[in-house]
Protein backbone atom coordinates (compact mmCIF):
# COMPACT_ATOMS: atom_id res chain seq x y z
CA MET A 1 -0.05 0.12 0.26
CA LYS A 2 3.10 2.52 1.06
CA GLU A 3 4.27 1.72 -2.68
CA LYS A 4 1.06 2.17 -4.13
CA ILE A 5 0.87 5.87 -2.01
CA GLU A 6 4.68 6.81 -2.55
CA GLU A 7 3.70 6.13 -6.51
CA ILE A 8 1.19 8.52 -7.01
CA ARG A 9 3.57 10.89 -4.96
CA LYS A 10 5.82 10.57 -7.49
CA SER A 11 3.26 10.54 -10.73
CA ALA A 12 2.37 13.93 -9.00
CA ASN A 13 4.88 15.80 -8.42
CA GLU A 14 5.99 14.88 -12.11
CA ALA A 15 2.57 16.11 -13.39
CA ILE A 16 3.02 19.55 -11.36
CA GLU A 17 6.44 20.54 -12.90
CA LYS A 18 5.23 19.99 -16.28
CA ILE A 19 2.75 22.33 -15.60
CA VAL A 20 2.33 25.02 -17.95
CA ASP A 21 -0.22 27.41 -16.67
CA LEU A 22 -2.52 28.32 -13.90
CA GLN A 23 -5.72 26.86 -15.68
CA GLU A 24 -3.80 23.08 -16.49
CA LEU A 25 -3.08 23.35 -12.76
CA GLN A 26 -6.56 23.49 -12.10
CA GLU A 27 -7.37 21.26 -13.18
CA LEU A 28 -4.61 18.99 -12.64
CA LYS A 29 -5.03 19.32 -8.44
CA VAL A 30 -9.33 18.38 -9.19
CA ARG A 31 -7.18 15.63 -10.79
CA LEU A 32 -5.53 15.08 -8.19
CA LEU A 33 -7.56 15.75 -4.96
CA GLY A 34 -10.62 15.58 -6.38
CA LYS A 35 -13.65 13.06 -4.85
CA LYS A 36 -12.54 10.45 -8.06
CA SER A 37 -8.72 11.17 -7.38
CA GLU A 38 -6.84 8.10 -6.27
CA LEU A 39 -5.71 9.21 -3.53
CA SER A 40 -9.65 9.39 -2.67
CA GLY A 41 -10.71 6.34 -3.77
CA LEU A 42 -7.38 4.80 -1.50
CA LEU A 43 -9.08 6.47 1.30
CA LYS A 44 -12.84 5.41 0.55
CA GLY A 45 -11.05 1.43 0.69
CA LEU A 46 -9.96 2.03 4.22
CA GLY A 47 -12.53 -0.49 5.39
CA ALA A 48 -10.65 -3.40 3.48
CA VAL A 49 -7.75 -3.03 5.11
CA CYS A 50 -7.15 -4.81 8.59
CA PRO A 51 -7.68 -2.49 11.49
CA GLU A 52 -4.97 -2.99 13.28
CA GLU A 53 -3.39 -1.05 9.82
CA ARG A 54 -5.87 1.19 9.76
CA PRO A 55 -3.51 4.15 11.00
CA LYS A 56 -0.81 4.14 9.31
CA VAL A 57 -1.83 3.61 5.53
CA GLY A 58 -4.69 6.37 6.75
CA ALA A 59 -1.93 8.66 7.43
CA TRP A 60 0.24 7.90 4.68
CA VAL A 61 -2.92 9.07 2.24
CA ASN A 62 -3.35 12.13 4.39
CA GLU A 63 0.26 12.74 4.38
CA ALA A 64 0.49 12.09 0.00
CA ARG A 65 -2.35 14.99 0.09
CA THR A 66 -1.17 17.30 1.57
CA GLY A 67 2.46 17.44 0.18
CA ILE A 68 0.37 17.49 -3.10
CA GLU A 69 -1.31 20.09 -1.74
CA GLU A 70 1.26 22.21 -0.71
CA ARG A 71 3.68 21.54 -4.22
CA ILE A 72 0.35 22.58 -6.14
CA ASN A 73 0.36 26.25 -3.92
CA GLU A 74 4.32 26.47 -4.33
CA ALA A 75 3.39 26.33 -8.99
CA GLU A 76 0.08 28.06 -8.17
CA LYS A 77 2.19 31.16 -6.65
CA ILE A 78 4.68 31.40 -8.59
CA PHE A 79 2.19 31.00 -11.92
CA LYS A 80 0.60 34.19 -9.53
CA GLU A 81 3.82 36.04 -9.83
CA LYS A 82 4.84 35.83 -13.16
CA ALA A 83 0.80 37.18 -14.53
CA MET A 84 1.68 39.66 -12.24
CA ALA A 85 5.58 41.04 -13.42
CA ALA A 86 4.12 39.97 -16.62
CA LYS A 87 1.11 42.90 -15.69
CA LEU A 88 3.28 45.21 -14.14
CA GLU A 89 5.78 44.88 -17.23
CA LYS A 90 2.93 45.32 -19.38
CA GLU A 91 2.47 48.37 -18.44
């Protein structure tokens, strides 16, 4: 399970690196963190995990979600700063 979560995190980081504009970033955010995302699916599937493992698996998923959210927020900030700089330069 941990390998699957790490794989999701790695592919999310790679996808974030390839984003070129804010709209794409928002679409990626929905795909990675939305209700139908792989991470949400893992959380919904916690019932199938043995009771002793649930806290660990839940913590791993939440940690991955937090890490992805932070990366997306950083990228969003960079895109907004670039847009503002371009706007100021234009004026």
